[in-house]
Structure formats: structure tokens, C-alpha cells
C-alpha atoms as a PDB file:
ATOM      1  CA  UNK A   1     -29.887  83.047  36.822  1.00  0.00           C
ATOM      2  CA  UNK A   2     -32.702  83.862  39.491  1.00  0.00           C
ATOM      3  CA  UNK A   3     -35.971  85.197  37.938  1.00  0.00           C
ATOM      4  CA  UNK A   4     -36.773  88.710  38.614  1.00  0.00           C
ATOM      5  CA  UNK A   5     -38.292  89.996  42.084  1.00  0.00           C
ATOM      6  CA  UNK A   6     -41.933  89.915  40.853  1.00  0.00           C
ATOM      7  CA  UNK A   7     -41.767  86.152  38.903  1.00  0.00           C
ATOM      8  CA  UNK A   8     -40.469  84.475  42.064  1.00  0.00           C
ATOM      9  CA  UNK A   9     -42.766  81.771  43.642  1.00  0.00           C
ATOM     10  CA  UNK A  10     -45.948  83.134  45.657  1.00  0.00           C
ATOM     11  CA  UNK A  11     -45.467  80.089  48.024  1.00  0.00           C
ATOM     12  CA  UNK A  12     -42.361  79.080  49.768  1.00  0.00           C
ATOM     13  CA  UNK A  13     -40.870  75.825  48.169  1.00  0.00           C
ATOM     14  CA  UNK A  14     -41.042  74.084  51.545  1.00  0.00           C
ATOM     15  CA  UNK A  15     -44.651  75.259  52.376  1.00  0.00           C
ATOM     16  CA  UNK A  16     -47.902  75.755  50.931  1.00  0.00           C
ATOM     17  CA  UNK A  17     -48.583  78.209  53.965  1.00  0.00           C
ATOM     18  CA  UNK A  18     -45.931  80.690  54.182  1.00  0.00           C
ATOM     19  CA  UNK A  19     -46.254  83.154  51.481  1.00  0.00           C
ATOM     20  CA  UNK A  20     -43.224  85.099  49.765  1.00  0.00           C
ATOM     21  CA  UNK A  21     -43.326  88.813  50.419  1.00  0.00           C
ATOM     22  CA  UNK A  22     -41.006  91.319  48.205  1.00  0.00           C
ATOM     23  CA  UNK A  23     -40.441  94.244  50.713  1.00  0.00           C
ATOM     24  CA  UNK A  24     -40.757  97.641  49.049  1.00  0.00           C
ATOM     25  CA  UNK A  25     -40.717 100.316  51.693  1.00  0.00           C
ATOM     26  CA  UNK A  26     -39.233  99.494  55.428  1.00  0.00           C
ATOM     27  CA  UNK A  27     -41.289 100.232  58.685  1.00  0.00           C
ATOM     28  CA  UNK A  28     -40.613 104.053  59.549  1.00  0.00           C
ATOM     29  CA  UNK A  29     -39.926 105.054  56.079  1.00  0.00           C
ATOM     30  CA  UNK A  30     -41.432 108.467  54.694  1.00  0.00           C
ATOM     31  CA  UNK A  31     -40.111 107.329  50.754  1.00  0.00           C
ATOM     32  CA  UNK A  32     -42.731 105.482  49.078  1.00  0.00           C
ATOM     33  CA  UNK A  33     -40.330 102.589  47.009  1.00  0.00           C
ATOM     34  CA  UNK A  34     -42.113 100.239  44.683  1.00  0.00           C
ATOM     35  CA  UNK A  35     -40.326  97.660  42.324  1.00  0.00           C
ATOM     36  CA  UNK A  36     -40.335  98.837  38.719  1.00  0.00           C
ATOM     37  CA  UNK A  37     -40.522  95.055  36.776  1.00  0.00           C
ATOM     38  CA  UNK A  38     -39.445  96.786  33.627  1.00  0.00           C
ATOM     39  CA  UNK A  39     -36.331  98.501  34.601  1.00  0.00           C
ATOM     40  CA  UNK A  40     -35.754  95.620  37.364  1.00  0.00           C
ATOM     41  CA  UNK A  41     -35.026  98.284  39.754  1.00  0.00           C
ATOM     42  CA  UNK A  42     -36.557  99.997  43.228  1.00  0.00           C
ATOM     43  CA  UNK A  43     -38.092 103.315  42.446  1.00  0.00           C
ATOM     44  CA  UNK A  44     -38.885 106.594  44.547  1.00  0.00           C
ATOM     45  CA  UNK A  45     -42.606 106.952  43.979  1.00  0.00           C
ATOM     46  CA  UNK A  46     -43.245 109.361  46.564  1.00  0.00           C
ATOM     47  CA  UNK A  47     -42.804 111.261  49.701  1.00  0.00           C
ATOM     48  CA  UNK A  48     -44.707 110.978  52.862  1.00  0.00           C
ATOM     49  CA  UNK A  49     -45.526 114.385  54.481  1.00  0.00           C
ATOM     50  CA  UNK A  50     -43.653 115.428  57.387  1.00  0.00           C
ATOM     51  CA  UNK A  51     -44.665 113.424  60.457  1.00  0.00           C
ATOM     52  CA  UNK A  52     -46.079 110.141  58.874  1.00  0.00           C
ATOM     53  CA  UNK A  53     -44.205 106.970  58.028  1.00  0.00           C
ATOM     54  CA  UNK A  54     -45.114 103.744  57.149  1.00  0.00           C
ATOM     55  CA  UNK A  55     -46.091 101.555  60.608  1.00  0.00           C
ATOM     56  CA  UNK A  56     -44.738  98.450  58.969  1.00  0.00           C
ATOM     57  CA  UNK A  57     -42.892  96.972  55.902  1.00  0.00           C
ATOM     58  CA  UNK A  58     -44.974  97.267  53.227  1.00  0.00           C
ATOM     59  CA  UNK A  59     -44.250  95.342  49.894  1.00  0.00           C
ATOM     60  CA  UNK A  60     -46.055  92.806  47.632  1.00  0.00           C
ATOM     61  CA  UNK A  61     -46.798  88.871  46.875  1.00  0.00           C
ATOM     62  CA  UNK A  62     -44.702  87.685  43.746  1.00  0.00           C
ATOM     63  CA  UNK A  63     -46.502  86.118  40.878  1.00  0.00           C
ATOM     64  CA  UNK A  64     -49.924  87.388  41.852  1.00  0.00           C
ATOM     65  CA  UNK A  65     -52.199  90.540  39.993  1.00  0.00           C
ATOM     66  CA  UNK A  66     -54.612  92.424  42.130  1.00  0.00           C
ATOM     67  CA  UNK A  67     -57.582  93.998  40.724  1.00  0.00           C
ATOM     68  CA  UNK A  68     -55.672  97.326  40.568  1.00  0.00           C
ATOM     69  CA  UNK A  69     -53.697  95.736  38.112  1.00  0.00           C
ATOM     70  CA  UNK A  70     -50.554  95.467  40.502  1.00  0.00           C
ATOM     71  CA  UNK A  71     -49.074  92.680  42.395  1.00  0.00           C
ATOM     72  CA  UNK A  72     -51.290  91.891  45.710  1.00  0.00           C
ATOM     73  CA  UNK A  73     -50.193  94.479  48.227  1.00  0.00           C
ATOM     74  CA  UNK A  74     -49.090  93.371  51.963  1.00  0.00           C
ATOM     75  CA  UNK A  75     -48.308  94.955  55.311  1.00  0.00           C
ATOM     76  CA  UNK A  76     -45.786  92.736  56.666  1.00  0.00           C
ATOM     77  CA  UNK A  77     -45.750  92.946  60.824  1.00  0.00           C
ATOM     78  CA  UNK A  78     -41.946  91.793  61.763  1.00  0.00           C
ATOM     79  CA  UNK A  79     -39.767  93.017  64.461  1.00  0.00           C
ATOM     80  CA  UNK A  80     -37.536  94.978  62.887  1.00  0.00           C
ATOM     81  CA  UNK A  81     -37.884  96.573  59.300  1.00  0.00           C
ATOM     82  CA  UNK A  82     -35.769  95.198  56.524  1.00  0.00           C
ATOM     83  CA  UNK A  83     -34.674  96.573  53.417  1.00  0.00           C
ATOM     84  CA  UNK A  84     -35.922  97.326  49.557  1.00  0.00           C
ATOM     85  CA  UNK A  85     -35.824  94.155  47.831  1.00  0.00           C
ATOM     86  CA  UNK A  86     -35.722  91.704  51.065  1.00  0.00           C
ATOM     87  CA  UNK A  87     -37.846  88.599  50.353  1.00  0.00           C
ATOM     88  CA  UNK A  88     -39.566  87.506  53.323  1.00  0.00           C
ATOM     89  CA  UNK A  89     -41.108  84.326  54.041  1.00  0.00           C
ATOM     90  CA  UNK A  90     -44.429  85.289  55.961  1.00  0.00           C
ATOM     91  CA  UNK A  91     -48.052  83.634  57.226  1.00  0.00           C
ATOM     92  CA  UNK A  92     -50.903  85.471  56.264  1.00  0.00           C
ATOM     93  CA  UNK A  93     -53.435  86.549  58.926  1.00  0.00           C
ATOM     94  CA  UNK A  94     -56.031  88.265  57.458  1.00  0.00           C
ATOM     95  CA  UNK A  95     -56.741  91.212  54.888  1.00  0.00           C
ATOM     96  CA  UNK A  96     -58.182  94.723  54.560  1.00  0.00           C
ATOM     97  CA  UNK A  97     -60.651  94.703  51.690  1.00  0.00           C
ATOM     98  CA  UNK A  98     -60.459  98.199  50.236  1.00  0.00           C
ATOM     99  CA  UNK A  99     -61.903 100.580  47.336  1.00  0.00           C
ATOM    100  CA  UNK A 100     -59.722 103.177  46.106  1.00  0.00           C
ATOM    101  CA  UNK A 101     -60.965 105.967  44.303  1.00  0.00           C
ATOM    102  CA  UNK A 102     -58.675 106.558  40.674  1.00  0.00           C
ATOM    103  CA  UNK A 103     -57.637 109.831  39.504  1.00  0.00           C
ATOM    104  CA  UNK A 104     -60.158 109.334  36.943  1.00  0.00           C
ATOM    105  CA  UNK A 105     -63.066 109.142  39.390  1.00  0.00           C
ATOM    106  CA  UNK A 106     -63.695 105.087  38.836  1.00  0.00           C
ATOM    107  CA  UNK A 107     -63.512 102.878  41.573  1.00  0.00           C
ATOM    108  CA  UNK A 108     -61.264  99.897  41.862  1.00  0.00           C
ATOM    109  CA  UNK A 109     -60.447  97.540  44.616  1.00  0.00           C
ATOM    110  CA  UNK A 110     -56.977  97.538  46.192  1.00  0.00           C
ATOM    111  CA  UNK A 111     -56.802  94.967  49.048  1.00  0.00           C
ATOM    112  CA  UNK A 112     -54.136  94.636  51.719  1.00  0.00           C
ATOM    113  CA  UNK A 113     -52.723  91.314  52.991  1.00  0.00           C
ATOM    114  CA  UNK A 114     -51.616  91.214  56.615  1.00  0.00           C
ATOM    115  CA  UNK A 115     -48.964  89.173  57.005  1.00  0.00           C
ATOM    116  CA  UNK A 116     -46.703  87.941  59.855  1.00  0.00           C
ATOM    117  CA  UNK A 117     -42.757  87.087  59.038  1.00  0.00           C
ATOM    118  CA  UNK A 118     -42.214  83.585  60.009  1.00  0.00           C
ATOM    119  CA  UNK A 119     -39.538  84.364  61.978  1.00  0.00           C
ATOM    120  CA  UNK A 120     -41.122  86.937  63.980  1.00  0.00           C
ATOM    121  CA  UNK A 121     -40.636  86.759  67.831  1.00  0.00           C
ATOM    122  CA  UNK A 122     -42.764  90.241  68.659  1.00  0.00           C
ATOM    123  CA  UNK A 123     -45.358  88.566  66.388  1.00  0.00           C
ATOM    124  CA  UNK A 124     -44.980  84.765  66.657  1.00  0.00           C
ATOM    125  CA  UNK A 125     -48.271  84.806  68.758  1.00  0.00           C
ATOM    126  CA  UNK A 126     -50.675  86.301  65.818  1.00  0.00           C
ATOM    127  CA  UNK A 127     -52.150  83.626  63.874  1.00  0.00           C
ATOM    128  CA  UNK A 128     -55.182  85.499  62.711  1.00  0.00           C
ATOM    129  CA  UNK A 129     -56.306  89.258  62.397  1.00  0.00           C
ATOM    130  CA  UNK A 130     -58.454  89.469  65.486  1.00  0.00           C
ATOM    131  CA  UNK A 131     -55.357  88.690  67.286  1.00  0.00           C
ATOM    132  CA  UNK A 132     -54.063  92.034  66.670  1.00  0.00           C
ATOM    133  CA  UNK A 133     -55.670  94.768  68.883  1.00  0.00           C
ATOM    134  CA  UNK A 134     -58.844  96.618  67.163  1.00  0.00           C
ATOM    135  CA  UNK A 135     -56.872  99.812  68.125  1.00  0.00           C
ATOM    136  CA  UNK A 136     -53.639  98.794  65.723  1.00  0.00           C
ATOM    137  CA  UNK A 137     -55.949  98.076  62.975  1.00  0.00           C
ATOM    138  CA  UNK A 138     -57.350 101.079  63.304  1.00  0.00           C
ATOM    139  CA  UNK A 139     -54.134 103.214  62.967  1.00  0.00           C
ATOM    140  CA  UNK A 140     -53.406 100.998  60.481  1.00  0.00           C
ATOM    141  CA  UNK A 141     -56.479 101.752  58.526  1.00  0.00           C
ATOM    142  CA  UNK A 142     -56.006 105.020  58.995  1.00  0.00           C
ATOM    143  CA  UNK A 143     -52.667 105.374  57.663  1.00  0.00           C
ATOM    144  CA  UNK A 144     -53.610 103.925  54.186  1.00  0.00           C
ATOM    145  CA  UNK A 145     -56.357 106.454  54.037  1.00  0.00           C
ATOM    146  CA  UNK A 146     -54.196 109.220  55.079  1.00  0.00           C
ATOM    147  CA  UNK A 147     -51.878 108.104  52.791  1.00  0.00           C
ATOM    148  CA  UNK A 148     -54.141 108.068  50.220  1.00  0.00           C
ATOM    149  CA  UNK A 149     -55.780 111.228  50.995  1.00  0.00           C
ATOM    150  CA  UNK A 150     -52.161 113.384  50.645  1.00  0.00           C
ATOM    151  CA  UNK A 151     -52.416 111.864  47.283  1.00  0.00           C
ATOM    152  CA  UNK A 152     -55.423 113.485  46.332  1.00  0.00           C
ATOM    153  CA  UNK A 153     -56.896 109.781  46.369  1.00  0.00           C
ATOM    154  CA  UNK A 154     -59.738 108.379  48.372  1.00  0.00           C
ATOM    155  CA  UNK A 155     -60.158 104.862  49.736  1.00  0.00           C
ATOM    156  CA  UNK A 156     -63.022 103.575  51.846  1.00  0.00           C
ATOM    157  CA  UNK A 157     -62.477  99.834  54.455  1.00  0.00           C
ATOM    158  CA  UNK A 158     -64.579  97.488  52.933  1.00  0.00           C
ATOM    159  CA  UNK A 159     -64.200  95.147  56.256  1.00  0.00           C
ATOM    160  CA  UNK A 160     -61.565  93.140  57.476  1.00  0.00           C
ATOM    161  CA  UNK A 161     -61.126  89.452  57.014  1.00  0.00           C
ATOM    162  CA  UNK A 162     -59.559  86.602  58.491  1.00  0.00           C
ATOM    163  CA  UNK A 163     -56.736  83.961  56.954  1.00  0.00           C
ATOM    164  CA  UNK A 164     -58.796  81.945  54.890  1.00  0.00           C
ATOM    165  CA  UNK A 165     -60.763  84.750  53.210  1.00  0.00           C
ATOM    166  CA  UNK A 166     -57.136  86.335  52.465  1.00  0.00           C
ATOM    167  CA  UNK A 167     -55.816  83.254  50.902  1.00  0.00           C
ATOM    168  CA  UNK A 168     -58.812  83.148  48.588  1.00  0.00           C
ATOM    169  CA  UNK A 169     -57.705  86.456  47.468  1.00  0.00           C
ATOM    170  CA  UNK A 170     -54.368  85.573  47.169  1.00  0.00           C
ATOM    171  CA  UNK A 171     -55.407  82.109  45.090  1.00  0.00           C
ATOM    172  CA  UNK A 172     -57.168  84.386  43.130  1.00  0.00           C
ATOM    173  CA  UNK A 173     -54.268  87.050  42.378  1.00  0.00           C
ATOM    174  CA  UNK A 174     -51.943  84.317  41.032  1.00  0.00           C
ATOM    175  CA  UNK A 175     -50.797  84.108  37.350  1.00  0.00           C
END
């Protein structure tokens, strides 16, 4: 019997550089979907307002726990949207270090890894976060900011970091 999605290995068995990404919300979706490990299902967590959608597939690296208590988040660049529950082998190219204000007013880190699907043709040239156009990174940051603002939250992007530091975040999050 296969392990639950959140317990899959973080790294692909055949590679110490490719990570598994479990997609929760595909690119273009307004519905925010999240994996619920206690139930073993994907649940609707919210709906983005009209005119908003996820810019790329969004999910998590299994067998990790980030500082916010959830698995480490990943925004996944690939050529076309996948589906909730799809496991994708990907290269980590960097991360956005983010502080997020919680409902109780406390501030917690909620970093987002940026990764490229290993089979991507359109994004195969991207090896580091610096290879992504600055305008695109700004749009990604704006998406996370506006998404959280709609829910009454607030985020602050502390910095953009390259793959080496992003992989250190991943290593710290492994369980």
C-alpha cells in the first residue's frame, strides 16, 4: 500500500536533486484546494475573487514541515496545469522568504519554494530564480500578497533567494 501523499519521500528515489511536489491547486484555478492528511482527501479551502487565479500550479513538498506548521509550499512552473494530487518531479530554483500575519496578529514565516517541473519544455532553461524575469517575480509576489489580503491577511516578501539557500530551507523542513 502506498503511503499517504504527505508522507511520500521529499526527494525522487533516483535523484538527490529532484524533489517531489504534490500539486494541490492547478494553474488557472480560482478554487484554493489543500490536501487534508487526516482524511486523505483534497478539500476546498476557499475561492479567489473574480479575476484572480493561481499563476502556476501550487502545492507542497511531502515529508516536510515548514515554520508555519504546514508542509513546505511550492509554486511549480510547468507548461500546462496538472491536477490536484498529481506528483511532479521538479528542480528547486529558489524561494521567496515570506512573513505572514496570522489571524491572532502573530507573524510567522511562510516561505514559498519556486521549482521547475523536470519534464518542462517551456521552462527548461530556468536553472535559478535569477533566470525568471523580474516582472514575472513581481507578479508572483503580488499574487501572494493580494490572495492573502482578500482573506484579511498580510504578507511581506523579505527576499528572493537562489536554489542553494532554498534547498537549505528544504533540508531544515524535512521530517
